[in-house]
Amino acid sequence: MNDGILVRLRCSVIVFRDGKILLVHRDQDGTDNWVLPGGDPRPGEGMAACARREVLEETGLHVDPARCAFVFEAIDPTGTQRTLEIVFLATRPVTGDLHSVEPGLLPVFVSLDLLGRLRLRPPISGHLRGLHDRDLPPTVPFLGNLWRPQPALDIGAGISGFSPFGRWSAGGRGRARRLE
């Protein structure tokens, strides 16, 4: 069923450094707000790859988005657009030189103490401070694309195959067992 709601996927990265967080100030097309560096995936691009590319394009920094910090959605007031955002946490040392790459975007390491004073979009400053201070639960690993092709089933030898969660076989009497 298509209910007419467009779902936009966005991937972003949290980068902490010395009590500061990397944000991008957007001052273009009448906007004046702050966001985590990130953007939309290209066709066929994985979520972590998108986050890595977007941070490089917007800030000049190389990151490793191997942990998922949190996921949120934002729905516009009319209910016609929905953004689902996967927010990664940079887990290894960040390399590169911070500089403005795209017009209208200015990357800045901002003190966590100043987050409440900024027009942060969406308003997640409390979650960011909590993650930094570890008041929030720990992050979880991002498993990436788990899709695998299904091999042809051999009906004569019982039903077996692959799933995103491993290789399984349906033994006698409807019992399934995992094949390692």
C-alpha atoms as a PDB file:
ATOM      1  CA  MET A   1       0.000   0.000   0.000  1.00  0.00           C
ATOM      2  CA  ASN A   2       1.270   3.475  -0.862  1.00  0.00           C
ATOM      3  CA  ASP A   3      -0.035   6.079   1.563  1.00  0.00           C
ATOM      4  CA  GLY A   4       1.634   8.962  -0.288  1.00  0.00           C
ATOM      5  CA  ILE A   5       4.288   9.650   2.341  1.00  0.00           C
ATOM      6  CA  LEU A   6       7.760  10.133   0.950  1.00  0.00           C
ATOM      7  CA  VAL A   7      10.458   8.560   3.131  1.00  0.00           C
ATOM      8  CA  ARG A   8      13.858  10.197   2.899  1.00  0.00           C
ATOM      9  CA  LEU A   9      16.851   8.332   4.280  1.00  0.00           C
ATOM     10  CA  ARG A  10      19.713  10.356   5.728  1.00  0.00           C
ATOM     11  CA  CYS A  11      22.992   9.121   7.213  1.00  0.00           C
ATOM     12  CA  SER A  12      25.060  11.289   9.548  1.00  0.00           C
ATOM     13  CA  VAL A  13      28.052  10.974  11.851  1.00  0.00           C
ATOM     14  CA  ILE A  14      28.822  12.193  15.359  1.00  0.00           C
ATOM     15  CA  VAL A  15      32.454  13.209  15.806  1.00  0.00           C
ATOM     16  CA  PHE A  16      33.583  14.177  19.311  1.00  0.00           C
ATOM     17  CA  ARG A  17      36.925  15.873  19.940  1.00  0.00           C
ATOM     18  CA  ASP A  18      38.146  17.451  23.190  1.00  0.00           C
ATOM     19  CA  GLY A  19      34.688  18.209  24.610  1.00  0.00           C
ATOM     20  CA  LYS A  20      33.426  19.442  21.258  1.00  0.00           C
ATOM     21  CA  ILE A  21      31.230  18.008  18.524  1.00  0.00           C
ATOM     22  CA  LEU A  22      31.522  18.419  14.771  1.00  0.00           C
ATOM     23  CA  LEU A  23      28.543  20.278  13.310  1.00  0.00           C
ATOM     24  CA  VAL A  24      27.865  21.911   9.982  1.00  0.00           C
ATOM     25  CA  HIS A  25      26.431  25.421   9.906  1.00  0.00           C
ATOM     26  CA  ARG A  26      24.017  25.767   6.982  1.00  0.00           C
ATOM     27  CA  ASP A  27      23.582  29.283   5.682  1.00  0.00           C
ATOM     28  CA  GLN A  28      22.011  28.861   2.270  1.00  0.00           C
ATOM     29  CA  ASP A  29      18.617  29.369   0.661  1.00  0.00           C
ATOM     30  CA  GLY A  30      17.378  31.281   3.705  1.00  0.00           C
ATOM     31  CA  THR A  31      18.312  28.574   6.216  1.00  0.00           C
ATOM     32  CA  ASP A  32      20.442  29.361   9.236  1.00  0.00           C
ATOM     33  CA  ASN A  33      20.819  26.230  11.323  1.00  0.00           C
ATOM     34  CA  TRP A  34      23.234  23.546  12.469  1.00  0.00           C
ATOM     35  CA  VAL A  35      23.203  19.838  11.585  1.00  0.00           C
ATOM     36  CA  LEU A  36      25.370  16.775  11.979  1.00  0.00           C
ATOM     37  CA  PRO A  37      27.449  16.215   8.863  1.00  0.00           C
ATOM     38  CA  GLY A  38      25.672  13.774   6.594  1.00  0.00           C
ATOM     39  CA  GLY A  39      23.302  13.346   3.700  1.00  0.00           C
ATOM     40  CA  ASP A  40      21.369  11.012   1.456  1.00  0.00           C
ATOM     41  CA  PRO A  41      22.763   7.752   0.063  1.00  0.00           C
ATOM     42  CA  ARG A  42      23.319   7.379  -3.653  1.00  0.00           C
ATOM     43  CA  PRO A  43      21.738   4.442  -5.513  1.00  0.00           C
ATOM     44  CA  GLY A  44      23.471   1.220  -4.437  1.00  0.00           C
ATOM     45  CA  GLU A  45      25.479   2.953  -1.695  1.00  0.00           C
ATOM     46  CA  GLY A  46      25.489   1.465   1.805  1.00  0.00           C
ATOM     47  CA  MET A  47      24.563   3.542   4.831  1.00  0.00           C
ATOM     48  CA  ALA A  48      28.040   3.625   6.401  1.00  0.00           C
ATOM     49  CA  ALA A  49      29.617   4.393   3.019  1.00  0.00           C
ATOM     50  CA  CYS A  50      27.164   7.267   2.580  1.00  0.00           C
ATOM     51  CA  ALA A  51      27.980   8.678   6.010  1.00  0.00           C
ATOM     52  CA  ARG A  52      31.723   8.389   5.335  1.00  0.00           C
ATOM     53  CA  ARG A  53      31.418  10.112   1.935  1.00  0.00           C
ATOM     54  CA  GLU A  54      29.151  12.892   3.175  1.00  0.00           C
ATOM     55  CA  VAL A  55      31.469  13.781   6.082  1.00  0.00           C
ATOM     56  CA  LEU A  56      34.417  13.944   3.687  1.00  0.00           C
ATOM     57  CA  GLU A  57      32.480  16.073   1.192  1.00  0.00           C
ATOM     58  CA  GLU A  58      31.168  18.495   3.828  1.00  0.00           C
ATOM     59  CA  THR A  59      34.163  18.756   6.170  1.00  0.00           C
ATOM     60  CA  GLY A  60      37.300  17.328   4.535  1.00  0.00           C
ATOM     61  CA  LEU A  61      37.602  14.766   7.361  1.00  0.00           C
ATOM     62  CA  HIS A  62      37.935  10.982   7.044  1.00  0.00           C
ATOM     63  CA  VAL A  63      35.806   9.038   9.559  1.00  0.00           C
ATOM     64  CA  ASP A  64      34.989   5.432  10.358  1.00  0.00           C
ATOM     65  CA  PRO A  65      31.227   5.187  11.051  1.00  0.00           C
ATOM     66  CA  ALA A  66      31.310   1.663  12.480  1.00  0.00           C
ATOM     67  CA  ARG A  67      28.892   2.143  15.407  1.00  0.00           C
ATOM     68  CA  CYS A  68      25.259   3.200  15.320  1.00  0.00           C
ATOM     69  CA  ALA A  69      24.556   5.836  17.972  1.00  0.00           C
ATOM     70  CA  PHE A  70      20.808   6.123  17.371  1.00  0.00           C
ATOM     71  CA  VAL A  71      18.090   6.276  14.745  1.00  0.00           C
ATOM     72  CA  PHE A  72      15.314   8.853  14.612  1.00  0.00           C
ATOM     73  CA  GLU A  73      12.547  10.006  12.350  1.00  0.00           C
ATOM     74  CA  ALA A  74      11.275  13.485  11.609  1.00  0.00           C
ATOM     75  CA  ILE A  75       7.850  13.998  10.050  1.00  0.00           C
ATOM     76  CA  ASP A  76       6.888  17.373   8.605  1.00  0.00           C
ATOM     77  CA  PRO A  77       3.747  19.037   9.996  1.00  0.00           C
ATOM     78  CA  THR A  78       1.696  18.153   6.900  1.00  0.00           C
ATOM     79  CA  GLY A  79       2.619  14.483   7.267  1.00  0.00           C
ATOM     80  CA  THR A  80       3.703  14.239   3.642  1.00  0.00           C
ATOM     81  CA  GLN A  81       7.444  13.918   4.199  1.00  0.00           C
ATOM     82  CA  ARG A  82       9.285  11.691   6.612  1.00  0.00           C
ATOM     83  CA  THR A  83      13.027  11.563   7.218  1.00  0.00           C
ATOM     84  CA  LEU A  84      14.585   8.485   8.749  1.00  0.00           C
ATOM     85  CA  GLU A  85      18.104   9.231   9.939  1.00  0.00           C
ATOM     86  CA  ILE A  86      20.763   6.727  10.935  1.00  0.00           C
ATOM     87  CA  VAL A  87      23.270   8.501  13.182  1.00  0.00           C
ATOM     88  CA  PHE A  88      26.681   6.860  13.398  1.00  0.00           C
ATOM     89  CA  LEU A  89      29.453   7.487  15.897  1.00  0.00           C
ATOM     90  CA  ALA A  90      32.986   7.899  14.571  1.00  0.00           C
ATOM     91  CA  THR A  91      34.949   5.209  16.412  1.00  0.00           C
ATOM     92  CA  ARG A  92      38.531   5.575  15.243  1.00  0.00           C
ATOM     93  CA  PRO A  93      40.800   8.581  15.085  1.00  0.00           C
ATOM     94  CA  VAL A  94      39.489  11.110  12.607  1.00  0.00           C
ATOM     95  CA  THR A  95      42.019  12.199  10.003  1.00  0.00           C
ATOM     96  CA  GLY A  96      42.203  15.042   7.512  1.00  0.00           C
ATOM     97  CA  ASP A  97      42.058  18.808   7.753  1.00  0.00           C
ATOM     98  CA  LEU A  98      38.784  20.470   8.671  1.00  0.00           C
ATOM     99  CA  HIS A  99      37.770  22.908   5.971  1.00  0.00           C
ATOM    100  CA  SER A 100      34.719  24.167   4.161  1.00  0.00           C
ATOM    101  CA  VAL A 101      34.171  22.135   1.009  1.00  0.00           C
ATOM    102  CA  GLU A 102      30.616  22.923  -0.096  1.00  0.00           C
ATOM    103  CA  PRO A 103      29.271  26.462  -0.565  1.00  0.00           C
ATOM    104  CA  GLY A 104      26.888  27.520   2.203  1.00  0.00           C
ATOM    105  CA  LEU A 105      28.182  24.856   4.607  1.00  0.00           C
ATOM    106  CA  LEU A 106      30.703  25.638   7.329  1.00  0.00           C
ATOM    107  CA  PRO A 107      32.038  22.721   9.432  1.00  0.00           C
ATOM    108  CA  VAL A 108      32.902  23.673  13.014  1.00  0.00           C
ATOM    109  CA  PHE A 109      33.835  21.828  16.195  1.00  0.00           C
ATOM    110  CA  VAL A 110      31.382  23.313  18.705  1.00  0.00           C
ATOM    111  CA  SER A 111      31.659  23.076  22.488  1.00  0.00           C
ATOM    112  CA  LEU A 112      29.049  20.704  23.903  1.00  0.00           C
ATOM    113  CA  ASP A 113      28.183  23.449  26.406  1.00  0.00           C
ATOM    114  CA  LEU A 114      26.929  25.646  23.534  1.00  0.00           C
ATOM    115  CA  LEU A 115      24.600  23.096  21.927  1.00  0.00           C
ATOM    116  CA  GLY A 116      21.505  24.417  23.680  1.00  0.00           C
ATOM    117  CA  ARG A 117      22.054  27.882  22.188  1.00  0.00           C
ATOM    118  CA  LEU A 118      22.228  26.722  18.566  1.00  0.00           C
ATOM    119  CA  ARG A 119      19.405  26.121  16.108  1.00  0.00           C
ATOM    120  CA  LEU A 120      20.261  22.439  15.890  1.00  0.00           C
ATOM    121  CA  ARG A 121      18.124  20.518  13.405  1.00  0.00           C
ATOM    122  CA  PRO A 122      16.627  18.304  14.548  1.00  0.00           C
ATOM    123  CA  PRO A 123      16.780  19.320  18.232  1.00  0.00           C
ATOM    124  CA  ILE A 124      18.913  16.438  19.549  1.00  0.00           C
ATOM    125  CA  SER A 125      21.388  18.340  21.724  1.00  0.00           C
ATOM    126  CA  GLY A 126      20.405  16.444  24.896  1.00  0.00           C
ATOM    127  CA  HIS A 127      20.962  13.117  23.180  1.00  0.00           C
ATOM    128  CA  LEU A 128      24.354  14.233  21.897  1.00  0.00           C
ATOM    129  CA  ARG A 129      25.482  15.433  25.337  1.00  0.00           C
ATOM    130  CA  GLY A 130      24.164  12.219  26.915  1.00  0.00           C
ATOM    131  CA  LEU A 131      26.028  10.086  24.423  1.00  0.00           C
ATOM    132  CA  HIS A 132      29.224  12.025  25.063  1.00  0.00           C
ATOM    133  CA  ASP A 133      28.817  11.794  28.839  1.00  0.00           C
ATOM    134  CA  ARG A 134      27.665   8.142  28.550  1.00  0.00           C
ATOM    135  CA  ASP A 135      24.350   8.869  30.227  1.00  0.00           C
ATOM    136  CA  LEU A 136      22.756   7.078  27.278  1.00  0.00           C
ATOM    137  CA  PRO A 137      23.081   3.358  26.549  1.00  0.00           C
ATOM    138  CA  PRO A 138      26.204   2.325  24.626  1.00  0.00           C
ATOM    139  CA  THR A 139      26.172   2.272  20.870  1.00  0.00           C
ATOM    140  CA  VAL A 140      25.539  -0.841  18.826  1.00  0.00           C
ATOM    141  CA  PRO A 141      27.543  -2.146  15.876  1.00  0.00           C
ATOM    142  CA  PHE A 142      26.228  -1.352  12.422  1.00  0.00           C
ATOM    143  CA  LEU A 143      25.955  -4.655  10.578  1.00  0.00           C
ATOM    144  CA  GLY A 144      25.570  -3.155   7.121  1.00  0.00           C
ATOM    145  CA  ASN A 145      23.888  -4.849   4.201  1.00  0.00           C
ATOM    146  CA  LEU A 146      22.914  -8.375   5.230  1.00  0.00           C
ATOM    147  CA  TRP A 147      21.085  -9.321   2.053  1.00  0.00           C
ATOM    148  CA  ARG A 148      22.390 -12.542   0.522  1.00  0.00           C
ATOM    149  CA  PRO A 149      21.099 -14.374  -2.548  1.00  0.00           C
ATOM    150  CA  GLN A 150      19.010 -17.447  -1.845  1.00  0.00           C
ATOM    151  CA  PRO A 151      20.416 -20.628  -3.416  1.00  0.00           C
ATOM    152  CA  ALA A 152      18.074 -23.066  -5.109  1.00  0.00           C
ATOM    153  CA  LEU A 153      16.392 -25.413  -2.664  1.00  0.00           C
ATOM    154  CA  ASP A 154      17.111 -29.153  -2.860  1.00  0.00           C
ATOM    155  CA  ILE A 155      13.719 -30.620  -1.997  1.00  0.00           C
ATOM    156  CA  GLY A 156      15.005 -34.182  -1.974  1.00  0.00           C
ATOM    157  CA  ALA A 157      17.499 -33.481   0.814  1.00  0.00           C
ATOM    158  CA  GLY A 158      15.159 -31.396   2.946  1.00  0.00           C
ATOM    159  CA  ILE A 159      14.710 -27.664   2.755  1.00  0.00           C
ATOM    160  CA  SER A 160      17.768 -25.548   3.412  1.00  0.00           C
ATOM    161  CA  GLY A 161      19.032 -22.176   2.403  1.00  0.00           C
ATOM    162  CA  PHE A 162      20.533 -18.902   3.434  1.00  0.00           C
ATOM    163  CA  SER A 163      18.875 -16.032   5.219  1.00  0.00           C
ATOM    164  CA  PRO A 164      20.234 -12.735   6.453  1.00  0.00           C
ATOM    165  CA  PHE A 165      20.731 -14.480   9.801  1.00  0.00           C
ATOM    166  CA  GLY A 166      22.790 -17.464   8.664  1.00  0.00           C
ATOM    167  CA  ARG A 167      22.298 -20.797   6.908  1.00  0.00           C
ATOM    168  CA  TRP A 168      19.328 -22.891   8.007  1.00  0.00           C
ATOM    169  CA  SER A 169      17.932 -26.315   7.243  1.00  0.00           C
ATOM    170  CA  ALA A 170      14.419 -27.563   7.863  1.00  0.00           C
ATOM    171  CA  GLY A 171      14.905 -31.051   9.192  1.00  0.00           C
ATOM    172  CA  GLY A 172      12.272 -33.719   9.645  1.00  0.00           C
ATOM    173  CA  ARG A 173       8.998 -32.940  11.391  1.00  0.00           C
ATOM    174  CA  GLY A 174       9.261 -29.182  10.667  1.00  0.00           C
ATOM    175  CA  ARG A 175      12.197 -28.520  12.972  1.00  0.00           C
ATOM    176  CA  ALA A 176      14.722 -25.938  11.778  1.00  0.00           C
ATOM    177  CA  ARG A 177      18.340 -26.014  12.762  1.00  0.00           C
ATOM    178  CA  ARG A 178      21.125 -23.555  12.140  1.00  0.00           C
ATOM    179  CA  LEU A 179      24.001 -24.700   9.958  1.00  0.00           C
ATOM    180  CA  GLU A 180      27.235 -23.021  11.020  1.00  0.00           C
END
